[in-house]
Protein backbone atom coordinates (compact mmCIF):
# COMPACT_ATOMS: atom_id res chain seq x y z
CA MET A 1 -68.58 24.78 -21.23
CA ALA A 2 -66.48 22.51 -19.06
CA LEU A 3 -62.82 22.64 -19.14
CA SER A 4 -60.67 19.57 -19.29
CA LEU A 5 -58.23 18.45 -16.33
CA GLU A 6 -55.24 20.28 -18.68
CA GLY A 7 -57.21 23.11 -19.33
CA LYS A 8 -57.74 23.51 -15.71
CA LYS A 9 -54.40 23.09 -14.90
CA ALA A 10 -53.45 25.82 -17.46
CA VAL A 11 -55.43 28.19 -15.95
CA VAL A 12 -54.44 27.56 -12.64
CA ALA A 13 -50.76 27.83 -13.60
CA GLU A 14 -51.53 31.47 -15.64
CA VAL A 15 -53.38 32.60 -12.42
CA MET A 16 -50.87 31.71 -10.32
CA GLU A 17 -47.87 33.16 -12.52
CA ILE A 18 -49.80 36.64 -12.20
CA ALA A 19 -50.18 36.49 -8.70
CA ARG A 20 -46.76 35.74 -7.91
CA GLY A 21 -45.60 39.03 -10.03
CA ALA A 22 -48.90 41.13 -8.64
CA HIS A 23 -48.74 43.62 -5.70
CA SER A 24 -52.32 43.78 -5.11
CA VAL A 25 -55.72 41.83 -6.01
CA VAL A 26 -59.19 43.12 -5.85
CA ALA A 27 -62.00 40.63 -5.92
CA ALA A 28 -65.64 42.15 -6.95
CA GLU A 29 -69.03 40.52 -7.93
CA TYR A 30 -69.69 41.11 -11.49
CA ARG A 31 -73.17 39.45 -11.47
CA GLY A 32 -75.63 41.53 -13.69
CA LEU A 33 -72.92 43.11 -16.02
CA THR A 34 -73.23 42.92 -19.84
CA VAL A 35 -70.54 42.00 -21.92
CA ALA A 36 -70.33 45.76 -23.16
CA GLU A 37 -69.55 46.50 -19.66
CA MET A 38 -67.38 43.88 -18.87
CA THR A 39 -65.20 44.78 -21.87
CA SER A 40 -65.29 48.62 -21.00
CA LEU A 41 -63.90 47.37 -17.54
CA ARG A 42 -61.24 45.34 -19.39
CA VAL A 43 -60.20 48.29 -21.28
CA LYS A 44 -59.63 50.64 -18.21
CA ALA A 45 -57.96 47.93 -16.30
CA ARG A 46 -55.53 47.37 -19.33
CA GLU A 47 -54.99 50.85 -19.58
CA SER A 48 -53.84 50.96 -16.01
CA ALA A 49 -51.43 47.58 -16.04
CA VAL A 50 -54.16 45.68 -14.14
CA HIS A 51 -54.67 42.09 -15.31
CA VAL A 52 -58.65 41.41 -14.87
CA ARG A 53 -59.73 37.63 -14.98
CA VAL A 54 -62.82 35.55 -13.98
CA VAL A 55 -61.89 32.41 -12.84
CA ARG A 56 -63.83 29.56 -10.94
CA ASN A 57 -63.25 29.97 -7.25
CA THR A 58 -61.69 26.52 -6.91
CA LEU A 59 -59.37 27.24 -9.29
CA ALA A 60 -58.62 30.74 -7.83
CA ARG A 61 -58.04 29.13 -4.55
CA ARG A 62 -55.59 26.53 -6.00
CA ALA A 63 -53.89 29.41 -7.97
CA LEU A 64 -53.85 31.49 -4.78
CA GLN A 65 -52.02 28.99 -2.82
CA GLY A 66 -48.51 29.68 -1.62
CA THR A 67 -48.92 33.46 -2.89
CA GLU A 68 -49.02 36.44 -0.58
CA PHE A 69 -52.84 36.36 -1.74
CA GLU A 70 -53.57 33.08 -0.07
CA CYS A 71 -55.78 35.09 2.62
CA LEU A 72 -58.63 35.38 0.07
CA SER A 73 -58.94 32.25 -0.46
CA ASP A 74 -61.64 31.38 2.29
CA ARG A 75 -63.64 34.27 1.08
CA LEU A 76 -63.90 33.39 -2.84
CA ILE A 77 -67.77 33.08 -2.98
CA GLY A 78 -70.05 33.87 -5.97
CA PRO A 79 -69.35 34.91 -9.39
CA LEU A 80 -66.18 36.90 -9.09
CA VAL A 81 -63.60 38.88 -11.25
CA LEU A 82 -60.16 39.17 -9.70
CA ALA A 83 -58.07 42.35 -10.76
CA PHE A 84 -54.26 41.87 -9.91
CA SER A 85 -52.05 45.28 -10.06
CA GLU A 86 -48.86 44.33 -12.18
CA ASN A 87 -46.88 47.70 -11.46
CA GLU A 88 -48.35 49.70 -8.80
CA PRO A 89 -50.15 48.76 -5.65
CA ALA A 90 -53.03 50.64 -5.95
CA ALA A 91 -53.84 50.29 -9.38
CA ALA A 92 -56.41 47.42 -9.49
CA ALA A 93 -58.08 49.29 -6.54
CA ARG A 94 -58.42 52.42 -8.22
CA VAL A 95 -59.84 51.02 -11.45
CA MET A 96 -62.32 48.82 -9.88
CA ARG A 97 -63.38 51.54 -7.39
CA ASP A 98 -63.76 53.79 -10.22
CA PHE A 99 -65.68 51.40 -12.25
CA ALA A 100 -67.83 50.58 -9.35
CA LYS A 101 -69.06 54.50 -8.81
CA THR A 102 -70.10 54.49 -12.62
CA ASN A 103 -71.93 51.00 -12.46
CA ASN A 104 -73.64 49.80 -9.33
CA LYS A 105 -73.85 45.99 -10.44
CA LEU A 106 -70.13 45.74 -9.94
CA ASP A 107 -69.76 44.76 -6.01
CA ILE A 108 -66.48 44.91 -4.60
CA LYS A 109 -65.91 42.32 -2.15
CA LEU A 110 -62.19 42.48 -0.71
CA ALA A 111 -58.89 42.93 -1.74
CA ALA A 112 -55.42 41.77 -0.52
CA PHE A 113 -52.15 43.53 -0.07
CA GLY A 114 -49.05 42.41 1.36
CA GLY A 115 -50.51 39.44 2.66
CA GLN A 116 -53.13 41.39 4.48
CA LEU A 117 -57.01 41.00 3.81
CA ILE A 118 -58.80 44.29 3.06
CA GLU A 119 -62.69 44.84 3.36
CA SER A 120 -64.54 46.56 0.71
CA SER A 121 -65.26 49.33 3.51
CA GLN A 122 -61.48 49.87 3.49
CA LEU A 123 -60.73 50.12 -0.07
CA ASP A 124 -60.58 53.73 -0.62
CA VAL A 125 -57.31 53.27 1.61
CA LEU A 126 -55.56 51.31 -0.89
CA ALA A 127 -56.90 53.09 -3.81
CA ASN A 128 -55.72 56.31 -2.67
CA LEU A 129 -51.95 55.46 -2.29
CA PRO A 130 -50.05 57.67 -4.26
CA THR A 131 -48.68 56.18 -7.54
CA ARG A 132 -44.67 55.63 -8.10
CA ASP A 133 -44.07 58.76 -9.49
CA GLU A 134 -46.37 60.85 -6.99
CA ALA A 135 -44.55 58.91 -4.10
CA LEU A 136 -41.08 60.18 -5.65
CA SER A 137 -41.87 63.64 -5.74
CA GLN A 138 -43.33 63.59 -2.45
CA LEU A 139 -40.06 62.22 -1.27
CA MET A 140 -37.91 64.49 -3.27
CA SER A 141 -39.73 67.61 -1.97
CA VAL A 142 -39.22 66.53 1.82
CA LEU A 143 -35.65 65.92 0.80
CA LEU A 144 -34.99 69.18 -0.72
CA ALA A 145 -36.92 71.14 1.68
CA PRO A 146 -34.24 71.55 4.37
CA ALA A 147 -31.38 72.59 1.59
CA SER A 148 -33.98 75.32 0.29
CA LYS A 149 -34.91 76.56 3.73
CA LEU A 150 -31.09 77.02 4.33
CA VAL A 151 -30.58 78.88 1.35
CA ARG A 152 -33.36 81.25 1.89
CA THR A 153 -31.99 81.73 5.33
CA LEU A 154 -28.67 82.55 4.48
CA ALA A 155 -29.87 84.74 1.71
CA GLU A 156 -32.26 87.03 3.84
CA PRO A 157 -29.70 89.20 5.18
CA HIS A 158 -28.77 90.20 1.85
CA ALA A 159 -32.05 90.69 0.50
CA ARG A 160 -32.81 92.70 3.84
CA VAL A 161 -29.70 95.09 2.91
CA VAL A 162 -31.01 95.18 -0.68
CA ARG A 163 -34.48 96.24 0.54
CA THR A 164 -33.34 98.73 2.94
CA VAL A 165 -30.84 100.72 0.14
CA ALA A 166 -33.63 100.60 -2.10
CA ALA A 167 -36.10 102.33 0.33
CA VAL A 168 -33.58 104.87 1.23
CA CYS A 169 -33.26 105.32 -2.60
CA GLU A 170 -36.82 106.10 -2.78
CA LYS A 171 -37.07 108.18 0.15
CA ARG A 172 -34.22 110.54 -1.24
CA GLU A 173 -35.99 110.43 -4.74
CA THR A 174 -39.04 111.37 -3.20
CA ALA A 175 -37.65 114.27 -0.68
């Protein structure tokens, strides 16, 4: 069913609003997917705070103008589904990659992150980025490492004395 001009403007406005708040976007060709498979993809995406939308390419080009995803505009060809990461930059790439592993009809074409176009062959780089919690825990372990190493170094002489005394006591007991 054809959209009216007002409907098209509403779609462009909605996708533009989503794109402005998104960290990254993944475009994949969905030709051959059944309705049940698309529903499954949408459910998995919703669980990961990823917004999935099928939009005509001409409307998507207009919606992406003025956003950091404008670099995709020239490459939007064919029936594409757009997945926008709302909370974490790698969420959309992870969802689409995992779904494509189980369903070979979903063909990931390209992605964008930080204004840079990412080819489908390099999608794993984006998908393997740590989540926010993982990144914070890695940062905390890096920050705590020098302090814990200092504590171990300062405690070692005392521990060595205790081990020596214990060894002397054992030797006396056995003798």
